[in-house]
Amino acid sequence: MTMKLVPINVPSIYKGKDGKLAPLPARMAQLTPDAAASLIAVQTEIEGRGGCFRLSDAYRSTEMQTRAHQDYKAGRKKAYSPPAGGSLHEAARAIDLDLAALIHPPSVPRGYKVFSESQVREIFVRHGWTFISAIGNEHLVDVSESWHIEFRGRFQEVYDRELARTKSSKTAYKAMAKAAIADLTQ
């Protein structure tokens, strides 16, 4: 079963020509249909509770993933970014959330509610999303990859099977990413 990408219209951290925050750029604003539907449910819930929901990243093409990895290796990007073929961003099943705008009091825009990281995680997990990092300090957002969230769906089975076989989370993750990316290209 091959998944096609669908566009998502979500707020982002990026500014438009007018200097105001703009939607996530079209080249990134795509997810698989199941991930997109779930993300809209998450966005609706967070915004309905008064939170500031915005993303910095979603889908990455192979070229975009290659560039992100090169930027990481060259020190232009702090957060780890795996080589092409090894990220669920490339499978349109991962997002990077502006977590600071939800949980870090100095970063939460005026008029928006401050959430705890636990509250944010509970909402995402209830809608089928997976955080790859442990919960961090509620008022610091530099916890490694605390903003990276994945909608693994049926590819979680690939991860679990490979983890049981190899006992290596790194190997299991690579197998899961490879299978999810292949699903888009078939």
N, C-alpha and C. Protein backbone atom coordinates (compact mmCIF):
# COMPACT_ATOMS: atom_id res chain seq x y z
N MET A 1 0.85 -1.18 0.00
CA MET A 1 0.00 0.00 0.00
C MET A 1 0.89 1.24 0.00
N THR A 2 0.84 2.02 -1.02
CA THR A 2 1.66 3.21 -1.13
C THR A 2 0.89 4.43 -0.65
N MET A 3 1.54 5.24 0.13
CA MET A 3 0.95 6.48 0.63
C MET A 3 1.39 7.63 -0.26
N LYS A 4 0.49 8.51 -0.54
CA LYS A 4 0.81 9.74 -1.24
C LYS A 4 0.78 10.87 -0.23
N LEU A 5 1.49 11.93 -0.51
CA LEU A 5 1.53 13.06 0.41
C LEU A 5 0.34 13.98 0.20
N VAL A 6 -0.10 14.58 1.30
CA VAL A 6 -1.17 15.57 1.23
C VAL A 6 -0.65 16.86 1.86
N PRO A 7 -1.11 18.00 1.35
CA PRO A 7 -0.66 19.27 1.93
C PRO A 7 -1.29 19.51 3.29
N ILE A 8 -0.54 20.18 4.15
CA ILE A 8 -1.07 20.61 5.44
C ILE A 8 -0.91 22.12 5.52
N ASN A 9 -1.85 22.77 6.14
CA ASN A 9 -1.78 24.22 6.31
C ASN A 9 -1.66 24.49 7.80
N VAL A 10 -0.42 24.67 8.25
CA VAL A 10 -0.17 24.88 9.67
C VAL A 10 0.71 26.11 9.87
N PRO A 11 0.54 26.78 11.01
CA PRO A 11 1.41 27.92 11.32
C PRO A 11 2.85 27.45 11.47
N SER A 12 3.78 28.37 11.20
CA SER A 12 5.19 28.02 11.31
C SER A 12 5.95 29.09 12.08
N ILE A 13 7.24 28.85 12.24
CA ILE A 13 8.13 29.81 12.89
C ILE A 13 8.70 30.80 11.88
N TYR A 14 8.40 30.61 10.59
CA TYR A 14 9.00 31.41 9.53
C TYR A 14 8.17 32.65 9.23
N LYS A 15 8.85 33.73 8.93
CA LYS A 15 8.18 34.99 8.61
C LYS A 15 7.98 35.13 7.10
N GLY A 16 6.86 35.72 6.75
CA GLY A 16 6.56 36.02 5.36
C GLY A 16 7.19 37.34 4.96
N LYS A 17 6.92 37.78 3.74
CA LYS A 17 7.46 39.04 3.23
C LYS A 17 7.01 40.24 4.04
N ASP A 18 5.85 40.09 4.69
CA ASP A 18 5.32 41.19 5.51
C ASP A 18 5.93 41.23 6.91
N GLY A 19 6.83 40.28 7.21
CA GLY A 19 7.49 40.24 8.51
C GLY A 19 6.70 39.51 9.58
N LYS A 20 5.49 39.06 9.25
CA LYS A 20 4.66 38.33 10.20
C LYS A 20 4.87 36.83 10.00
N LEU A 21 4.54 36.05 11.03
CA LEU A 21 4.66 34.60 10.91
C LEU A 21 3.75 34.10 9.80
N ALA A 22 4.28 33.14 9.04
CA ALA A 22 3.58 32.61 7.87
C ALA A 22 3.34 31.11 8.06
N PRO A 23 2.49 30.54 7.21
CA PRO A 23 2.32 29.08 7.26
C PRO A 23 3.63 28.36 6.92
N LEU A 24 3.72 27.11 7.32
CA LEU A 24 4.88 26.29 6.98
C LEU A 24 5.03 26.30 5.45
N PRO A 25 6.25 26.52 4.94
CA PRO A 25 6.45 26.56 3.48
C PRO A 25 5.95 25.28 2.80
N ALA A 26 5.36 25.45 1.62
CA ALA A 26 4.72 24.35 0.90
C ALA A 26 5.64 23.15 0.70
N ARG A 27 6.93 23.39 0.47
CA ARG A 27 7.85 22.27 0.22
C ARG A 27 7.97 21.34 1.43
N MET A 28 7.69 21.88 2.63
CA MET A 28 7.74 21.08 3.86
C MET A 28 6.36 20.72 4.36
N ALA A 29 5.35 21.45 3.96
CA ALA A 29 4.00 21.31 4.50
C ALA A 29 3.25 20.17 3.84
N GLN A 30 3.80 18.97 4.02
CA GLN A 30 3.20 17.76 3.47
C GLN A 30 3.41 16.62 4.45
N LEU A 31 2.41 15.75 4.55
CA LEU A 31 2.52 14.55 5.37
C LEU A 31 1.74 13.44 4.68
N THR A 32 1.91 12.22 5.16
CA THR A 32 1.06 11.14 4.67
C THR A 32 -0.37 11.43 5.15
N PRO A 33 -1.37 10.89 4.48
CA PRO A 33 -2.75 11.20 4.88
C PRO A 33 -3.07 10.88 6.34
N ASP A 34 -2.59 9.74 6.84
CA ASP A 34 -2.87 9.39 8.24
C ASP A 34 -2.19 10.34 9.21
N ALA A 35 -0.94 10.71 8.93
CA ALA A 35 -0.23 11.65 9.79
C ALA A 35 -0.86 13.04 9.73
N ALA A 36 -1.27 13.46 8.53
CA ALA A 36 -1.89 14.78 8.37
C ALA A 36 -3.19 14.87 9.17
N ALA A 37 -4.03 13.85 9.06
CA ALA A 37 -5.30 13.86 9.78
C ALA A 37 -5.07 13.92 11.29
N SER A 38 -4.11 13.16 11.76
CA SER A 38 -3.81 13.15 13.18
C SER A 38 -3.25 14.50 13.63
N LEU A 39 -2.37 15.08 12.81
CA LEU A 39 -1.78 16.37 13.17
C LEU A 39 -2.85 17.45 13.28
N ILE A 40 -3.80 17.45 12.37
CA ILE A 40 -4.87 18.44 12.42
C ILE A 40 -5.68 18.28 13.71
N ALA A 41 -5.90 17.03 14.13
CA ALA A 41 -6.60 16.80 15.40
C ALA A 41 -5.79 17.34 16.58
N VAL A 42 -4.47 17.15 16.55
CA VAL A 42 -3.59 17.67 17.60
C VAL A 42 -3.64 19.19 17.60
N GLN A 43 -3.47 19.78 16.43
CA GLN A 43 -3.48 21.24 16.30
C GLN A 43 -4.80 21.82 16.83
N THR A 44 -5.91 21.22 16.45
CA THR A 44 -7.23 21.69 16.89
C THR A 44 -7.34 21.63 18.41
N GLU A 45 -6.85 20.55 19.00
CA GLU A 45 -6.93 20.41 20.46
C GLU A 45 -6.03 21.43 21.16
N ILE A 46 -4.80 21.57 20.70
CA ILE A 46 -3.88 22.51 21.35
C ILE A 46 -4.41 23.93 21.23
N GLU A 47 -4.81 24.32 20.02
CA GLU A 47 -5.33 25.67 19.83
C GLU A 47 -6.63 25.87 20.59
N GLY A 48 -7.46 24.83 20.65
CA GLY A 48 -8.72 24.91 21.40
C GLY A 48 -8.50 25.12 22.89
N ARG A 49 -7.37 24.68 23.38
CA ARG A 49 -7.02 24.87 24.80
C ARG A 49 -6.22 26.16 25.02
N GLY A 50 -6.03 26.94 23.96
CA GLY A 50 -5.36 28.23 24.09
C GLY A 50 -3.87 28.21 23.82
N GLY A 51 -3.35 27.12 23.27
CA GLY A 51 -1.91 27.01 23.01
C GLY A 51 -1.49 27.58 21.67
N CYS A 52 -0.23 27.92 21.56
CA CYS A 52 0.37 28.43 20.33
C CYS A 52 0.99 27.26 19.57
N PHE A 53 0.32 26.82 18.52
CA PHE A 53 0.77 25.66 17.75
C PHE A 53 1.47 26.14 16.49
N ARG A 54 2.75 25.79 16.34
CA ARG A 54 3.46 26.10 15.10
C ARG A 54 4.63 25.13 14.94
N LEU A 55 4.96 24.89 13.68
CA LEU A 55 6.02 23.93 13.34
C LEU A 55 7.21 24.65 12.72
N SER A 56 8.35 23.97 12.77
CA SER A 56 9.53 24.45 12.05
C SER A 56 9.89 23.51 10.92
N ASP A 57 9.29 22.31 10.89
CA ASP A 57 9.66 21.34 9.87
C ASP A 57 8.62 20.23 9.81
N ALA A 58 8.50 19.64 8.64
CA ALA A 58 7.69 18.43 8.46
C ALA A 58 8.40 17.60 7.39
N TYR A 59 7.80 17.47 6.21
CA TYR A 59 8.40 16.65 5.15
C TYR A 59 9.72 17.24 4.67
N ARG A 60 10.66 16.34 4.41
CA ARG A 60 11.93 16.71 3.75
C ARG A 60 12.14 15.78 2.57
N SER A 61 12.39 16.34 1.41
CA SER A 61 12.77 15.53 0.25
C SER A 61 14.15 14.94 0.52
N THR A 62 14.57 14.03 -0.33
CA THR A 62 15.92 13.45 -0.20
C THR A 62 16.97 14.55 -0.23
N GLU A 63 16.79 15.52 -1.12
CA GLU A 63 17.74 16.62 -1.22
C GLU A 63 17.75 17.46 0.05
N MET A 64 16.56 17.74 0.60
CA MET A 64 16.47 18.52 1.83
C MET A 64 17.10 17.77 3.00
N GLN A 65 16.89 16.46 3.06
CA GLN A 65 17.47 15.65 4.14
C GLN A 65 18.99 15.62 4.01
N THR A 66 19.48 15.50 2.79
CA THR A 66 20.93 15.53 2.55
C THR A 66 21.52 16.85 3.03
N ARG A 67 20.86 17.95 2.70
CA ARG A 67 21.33 19.28 3.10
C ARG A 67 21.30 19.42 4.62
N ALA A 68 20.24 18.93 5.26
CA ALA A 68 20.14 19.02 6.73
C ALA A 68 21.28 18.23 7.39
N HIS A 69 21.58 17.05 6.83
CA HIS A 69 22.68 16.23 7.38
C HIS A 69 24.02 16.93 7.18
N GLN A 70 24.22 17.51 6.00
CA GLN A 70 25.47 18.24 5.75
C GLN A 70 25.60 19.44 6.68
N ASP A 71 24.50 20.14 6.93
CA ASP A 71 24.53 21.28 7.85
C ASP A 71 24.88 20.82 9.26
N TYR A 72 24.36 19.67 9.67
CA TYR A 72 24.69 19.13 10.98
C TYR A 72 26.18 18.80 11.06
N LYS A 73 26.67 18.09 10.06
CA LYS A 73 28.09 17.69 10.07
C LYS A 73 29.01 18.89 10.05
N ALA A 74 28.62 19.96 9.35
CA ALA A 74 29.45 21.16 9.24
C ALA A 74 29.29 22.10 10.44
N GLY A 75 28.37 21.77 11.37
CA GLY A 75 28.17 22.60 12.55
C GLY A 75 27.23 23.77 12.32
N ARG A 76 26.59 23.84 11.16
CA ARG A 76 25.64 24.92 10.90
C ARG A 76 24.29 24.64 11.54
N LYS A 77 24.08 23.40 11.96
CA LYS A 77 22.85 22.97 12.60
C LYS A 77 23.23 22.17 13.83
N LYS A 78 22.69 22.53 14.99
CA LYS A 78 23.02 21.84 16.24
C LYS A 78 22.38 20.47 16.36
N ALA A 79 21.10 20.39 16.00
CA ALA A 79 20.35 19.15 16.20
C ALA A 79 20.80 18.09 15.20
N TYR A 80 20.91 16.88 15.67
CA TYR A 80 21.31 15.77 14.80
C TYR A 80 20.31 15.61 13.67
N SER A 81 20.83 15.38 12.49
CA SER A 81 20.01 15.11 11.31
C SER A 81 20.68 13.96 10.57
N PRO A 82 20.02 12.81 10.49
CA PRO A 82 20.65 11.65 9.86
C PRO A 82 20.81 11.83 8.36
N PRO A 83 21.64 11.00 7.75
CA PRO A 83 21.80 11.05 6.30
C PRO A 83 20.48 10.71 5.60
N ALA A 84 20.38 11.09 4.35
CA ALA A 84 19.20 10.74 3.55
C ALA A 84 18.95 9.25 3.64
N GLY A 85 17.67 8.89 3.74
CA GLY A 85 17.29 7.49 3.87
C GLY A 85 17.15 7.03 5.31
N GLY A 86 17.40 7.93 6.26
CA GLY A 86 17.39 7.53 7.66
C GLY A 86 16.51 8.36 8.57
N SER A 87 15.56 9.13 8.00
CA SER A 87 14.72 9.98 8.83
C SER A 87 13.25 9.84 8.45
N LEU A 88 12.39 9.87 9.45
CA LEU A 88 10.96 9.83 9.16
C LEU A 88 10.46 11.16 8.60
N HIS A 89 11.28 12.22 8.65
CA HIS A 89 10.93 13.44 7.93
C HIS A 89 10.83 13.13 6.43
N GLU A 90 11.75 12.33 5.96
CA GLU A 90 11.80 11.97 4.54
C GLU A 90 10.64 11.04 4.16
N ALA A 91 10.03 10.43 5.13
CA ALA A 91 8.87 9.57 4.91
C ALA A 91 7.56 10.34 5.14
N ALA A 92 7.66 11.65 5.40
CA ALA A 92 6.50 12.52 5.67
C ALA A 92 5.72 12.03 6.88
N ARG A 93 6.46 11.56 7.90
CA ARG A 93 5.86 11.05 9.13
C ARG A 93 6.51 11.64 10.37
N ALA A 94 7.15 12.81 10.22
CA ALA A 94 7.77 13.46 11.37
C ALA A 94 7.58 14.97 11.26
N ILE A 95 7.52 15.60 12.43
CA ILE A 95 7.43 17.06 12.49
C ILE A 95 8.42 17.55 13.53
N ASP A 96 8.77 18.81 13.42
CA ASP A 96 9.50 19.50 14.47
C ASP A 96 8.57 20.60 14.96
N LEU A 97 8.20 20.52 16.22
CA LEU A 97 7.25 21.42 16.86
C LEU A 97 8.00 22.58 17.51
N ASP A 98 7.44 23.77 17.45
CA ASP A 98 8.00 24.89 18.21
C ASP A 98 7.57 24.69 19.66
N LEU A 99 8.27 23.80 20.34
CA LEU A 99 7.92 23.44 21.71
C LEU A 99 8.05 24.63 22.65
N ALA A 100 9.02 25.50 22.39
CA ALA A 100 9.22 26.67 23.25
C ALA A 100 7.98 27.54 23.30
N ALA A 101 7.28 27.68 22.17
CA ALA A 101 6.08 28.52 22.11
C ALA A 101 4.91 27.92 22.89
N LEU A 102 5.07 26.70 23.36
CA LEU A 102 4.04 26.05 24.17
C LEU A 102 4.40 25.93 25.63
N ILE A 103 5.68 25.67 25.94
CA ILE A 103 6.04 25.33 27.33
C ILE A 103 7.04 26.26 27.99
N HIS A 104 7.73 27.09 27.27
CA HIS A 104 8.79 27.92 27.84
C HIS A 104 8.24 29.32 28.08
N PRO A 105 7.91 29.67 29.32
CA PRO A 105 7.19 30.93 29.58
C PRO A 105 7.73 32.16 28.85
N PRO A 106 9.04 32.40 28.78
CA PRO A 106 9.48 33.60 28.06
C PRO A 106 9.24 33.53 26.54
N SER A 107 9.03 32.32 26.01
CA SER A 107 8.85 32.14 24.57
C SER A 107 7.39 32.02 24.15
N VAL A 108 6.50 31.79 25.11
CA VAL A 108 5.08 31.65 24.78
C VAL A 108 4.55 33.05 24.44
N PRO A 109 4.02 33.22 23.23
CA PRO A 109 3.53 34.55 22.84
C PRO A 109 2.42 35.05 23.77
N ARG A 110 2.37 36.36 23.91
CA ARG A 110 1.35 36.98 24.76
C ARG A 110 -0.05 36.55 24.31
N GLY A 111 -0.86 36.23 25.28
CA GLY A 111 -2.23 35.84 24.99
C GLY A 111 -2.43 34.33 24.85
N TYR A 112 -1.34 33.58 24.85
CA TYR A 112 -1.43 32.13 24.73
C TYR A 112 -1.18 31.48 26.08
N LYS A 113 -1.75 30.31 26.26
CA LYS A 113 -1.61 29.55 27.49
C LYS A 113 -0.25 28.84 27.52
N VAL A 114 0.37 28.77 28.69
CA VAL A 114 1.58 27.99 28.89
C VAL A 114 1.17 26.57 29.24
N PHE A 115 1.66 25.62 28.47
CA PHE A 115 1.42 24.20 28.72
C PHE A 115 2.62 23.61 29.44
N SER A 116 2.43 22.48 30.08
CA SER A 116 3.58 21.72 30.57
C SER A 116 3.99 20.78 29.43
N GLU A 117 5.23 20.35 29.45
CA GLU A 117 5.67 19.39 28.43
C GLU A 117 4.86 18.11 28.53
N SER A 118 4.50 17.72 29.75
CA SER A 118 3.69 16.52 29.94
C SER A 118 2.34 16.65 29.25
N GLN A 119 1.72 17.82 29.33
CA GLN A 119 0.43 18.04 28.66
C GLN A 119 0.57 17.92 27.14
N VAL A 120 1.62 18.53 26.60
CA VAL A 120 1.84 18.48 25.15
C VAL A 120 2.06 17.03 24.71
N ARG A 121 2.89 16.31 25.45
CA ARG A 121 3.16 14.92 25.11
C ARG A 121 1.89 14.08 25.17
N GLU A 122 1.09 14.28 26.19
CA GLU A 122 -0.14 13.50 26.35
C GLU A 122 -1.07 13.70 25.14
N ILE A 123 -1.19 14.92 24.67
CA ILE A 123 -2.05 15.20 23.51
C ILE A 123 -1.52 14.47 22.29
N PHE A 124 -0.25 14.62 22.00
CA PHE A 124 0.33 13.98 20.81
C PHE A 124 0.25 12.45 20.90
N VAL A 125 0.61 11.89 22.03
CA VAL A 125 0.61 10.43 22.17
C VAL A 125 -0.81 9.88 22.01
N ARG A 126 -1.79 10.56 22.56
CA ARG A 126 -3.18 10.12 22.42
C ARG A 126 -3.62 10.07 20.96
N HIS A 127 -2.99 10.90 20.13
CA HIS A 127 -3.33 10.94 18.70
C HIS A 127 -2.36 10.11 17.85
N GLY A 128 -1.55 9.25 18.49
CA GLY A 128 -0.72 8.31 17.76
C GLY A 128 0.71 8.74 17.46
N TRP A 129 1.17 9.83 18.06
CA TRP A 129 2.52 10.33 17.81
C TRP A 129 3.50 9.80 18.84
N THR A 130 4.78 9.73 18.45
CA THR A 130 5.85 9.21 19.30
C THR A 130 6.95 10.26 19.45
N PHE A 131 7.35 10.50 20.68
CA PHE A 131 8.50 11.38 20.95
C PHE A 131 9.74 10.50 21.00
N ILE A 132 10.83 10.95 20.40
CA ILE A 132 12.04 10.13 20.40
C ILE A 132 12.96 10.43 21.58
N SER A 133 12.63 11.46 22.35
CA SER A 133 13.46 11.78 23.51
C SER A 133 12.63 11.69 24.78
N ALA A 134 13.33 11.47 25.86
CA ALA A 134 12.67 11.44 27.16
C ALA A 134 12.20 12.84 27.51
N ILE A 135 11.26 12.92 28.42
CA ILE A 135 10.78 14.23 28.85
C ILE A 135 11.93 14.99 29.49
N GLY A 136 11.97 16.29 29.24
CA GLY A 136 13.08 17.11 29.74
C GLY A 136 12.64 18.05 30.84
N ASN A 137 13.42 19.06 31.06
CA ASN A 137 13.10 20.10 32.02
C ASN A 137 11.98 20.93 31.42
N GLU A 138 10.89 21.08 32.14
CA GLU A 138 9.70 21.75 31.61
C GLU A 138 9.97 23.18 31.13
N HIS A 139 10.98 23.84 31.64
CA HIS A 139 11.21 25.23 31.26
C HIS A 139 12.46 25.43 30.42
N LEU A 140 13.08 24.37 30.02
CA LEU A 140 14.20 24.45 29.09
C LEU A 140 13.81 23.65 27.86
N VAL A 141 14.16 24.13 26.69
CA VAL A 141 13.77 23.42 25.48
C VAL A 141 14.97 22.96 24.68
N ASP A 142 16.15 22.97 25.29
CA ASP A 142 17.32 22.50 24.58
C ASP A 142 17.59 21.02 24.84
N VAL A 143 16.60 20.32 25.40
CA VAL A 143 16.72 18.89 25.59
C VAL A 143 16.81 18.26 24.21
N SER A 144 17.74 17.36 24.02
CA SER A 144 18.02 16.80 22.71
C SER A 144 16.77 16.27 22.02
N GLU A 145 16.43 16.89 20.90
CA GLU A 145 15.32 16.48 20.04
C GLU A 145 13.96 16.41 20.74
N SER A 146 13.76 17.21 21.78
CA SER A 146 12.48 17.18 22.49
C SER A 146 11.33 17.67 21.62
N TRP A 147 11.62 18.35 20.57
CA TRP A 147 10.61 18.92 19.68
C TRP A 147 10.28 18.00 18.50
N HIS A 148 11.08 16.95 18.30
CA HIS A 148 10.91 16.04 17.17
C HIS A 148 9.88 14.97 17.53
N ILE A 149 8.81 14.88 16.72
CA ILE A 149 7.72 13.97 17.02
C ILE A 149 7.38 13.19 15.75
N GLU A 150 7.10 11.91 15.90
CA GLU A 150 6.88 11.04 14.74
C GLU A 150 5.52 10.36 14.77
N PHE A 151 4.94 10.20 13.59
CA PHE A 151 3.72 9.42 13.43
C PHE A 151 4.13 8.13 12.73
N ARG A 152 4.52 7.14 13.51
CA ARG A 152 5.09 5.91 12.97
C ARG A 152 4.04 5.00 12.34
N GLY A 153 2.85 5.00 12.86
CA GLY A 153 1.79 4.16 12.31
C GLY A 153 2.22 2.71 12.21
N ARG A 154 1.91 2.10 11.09
CA ARG A 154 2.21 0.67 10.90
C ARG A 154 3.71 0.38 10.83
N PHE A 155 4.53 1.40 10.70
CA PHE A 155 5.98 1.19 10.63
C PHE A 155 6.60 0.97 12.01
N GLN A 156 5.82 1.19 13.06
CA GLN A 156 6.28 0.86 14.41
C GLN A 156 6.57 -0.63 14.50
N GLU A 157 5.80 -1.44 13.77
CA GLU A 157 6.02 -2.89 13.75
C GLU A 157 7.40 -3.23 13.21
N VAL A 158 7.85 -2.50 12.20
CA VAL A 158 9.20 -2.73 11.64
C VAL A 158 10.24 -2.43 12.72
N TYR A 159 10.06 -1.32 13.42
CA TYR A 159 10.98 -0.94 14.48
C TYR A 159 11.01 -2.03 15.57
N ASP A 160 9.84 -2.42 16.05
CA ASP A 160 9.77 -3.42 17.13
C ASP A 160 10.39 -4.75 16.72
N ARG A 161 10.10 -5.19 15.52
CA ARG A 161 10.64 -6.47 15.03
C ARG A 161 12.17 -6.41 14.94
N GLU A 162 12.67 -5.30 14.38
CA GLU A 162 14.13 -5.17 14.21
C GLU A 162 14.82 -4.99 15.56
N LEU A 163 14.19 -4.28 16.48
CA LEU A 163 14.76 -4.10 17.81
C LEU A 163 14.86 -5.44 18.53
N ALA A 164 13.82 -6.26 18.43
CA ALA A 164 13.84 -7.58 19.06
C ALA A 164 14.93 -8.46 18.46
N ARG A 165 15.14 -8.32 17.16
CA ARG A 165 16.14 -9.14 16.46
C ARG A 165 17.56 -8.69 16.75
N THR A 166 17.81 -7.37 16.72
CA THR A 166 19.19 -6.87 16.81
C THR A 166 19.56 -6.28 18.16
N LYS A 167 18.55 -5.94 18.97
CA LYS A 167 18.76 -5.26 20.26
C LYS A 167 19.41 -3.90 20.08
N SER A 168 19.34 -3.33 18.87
CA SER A 168 19.93 -2.03 18.57
C SER A 168 18.84 -1.06 18.13
N SER A 169 18.61 -0.02 18.95
CA SER A 169 17.59 0.97 18.58
C SER A 169 18.01 1.73 17.32
N LYS A 170 19.29 1.93 17.14
CA LYS A 170 19.78 2.63 15.94
C LYS A 170 19.48 1.81 14.68
N THR A 171 19.75 0.52 14.72
CA THR A 171 19.47 -0.35 13.58
C THR A 171 17.97 -0.45 13.34
N ALA A 172 17.20 -0.54 14.41
CA ALA A 172 15.74 -0.63 14.28
C ALA A 172 15.17 0.64 13.67
N TYR A 173 15.70 1.79 14.10
CA TYR A 173 15.21 3.06 13.56
C TYR A 173 15.52 3.16 12.06
N LYS A 174 16.73 2.79 11.69
CA LYS A 174 17.10 2.85 10.27
C LYS A 174 16.19 1.95 9.43
N ALA A 175 15.88 0.77 9.93
CA ALA A 175 15.00 -0.16 9.20
C ALA A 175 13.60 0.43 9.06
N MET A 176 13.10 1.03 10.13
CA MET A 176 11.78 1.65 10.10
C MET A 176 11.74 2.80 9.09
N ALA A 177 12.75 3.67 9.15
CA ALA A 177 12.80 4.82 8.23
C ALA A 177 12.88 4.34 6.78
N LYS A 178 13.72 3.36 6.54
CA LYS A 178 13.87 2.83 5.18
C LYS A 178 12.54 2.29 4.65
N ALA A 179 11.82 1.54 5.48
CA ALA A 179 10.54 0.97 5.05
C ALA A 179 9.50 2.07 4.80
N ALA A 180 9.46 3.06 5.66
CA ALA A 180 8.48 4.15 5.51
C ALA A 180 8.78 5.00 4.28
N ILE A 181 10.06 5.27 4.03
CA ILE A 181 10.46 6.05 2.85
C ILE A 181 10.15 5.26 1.58
N ALA A 182 10.45 3.96 1.60
CA ALA A 182 10.17 3.12 0.44
C ALA A 182 8.68 3.11 0.11
N ASP A 183 7.85 3.18 1.13
CA ASP A 183 6.41 3.20 0.92
C ASP A 183 5.97 4.41 0.09
N LEU A 184 6.67 5.51 0.24
CA LEU A 184 6.33 6.72 -0.53
C LEU A 184 6.80 6.64 -1.98
N THR A 185 7.84 5.88 -2.22
CA THR A 185 8.45 5.87 -3.55
C THR A 185 8.01 4.71 -4.43
N GLN A 186 7.20 3.81 -3.88
CA GLN A 186 6.74 2.65 -4.67
C GLN A 186 5.68 3.05 -5.66
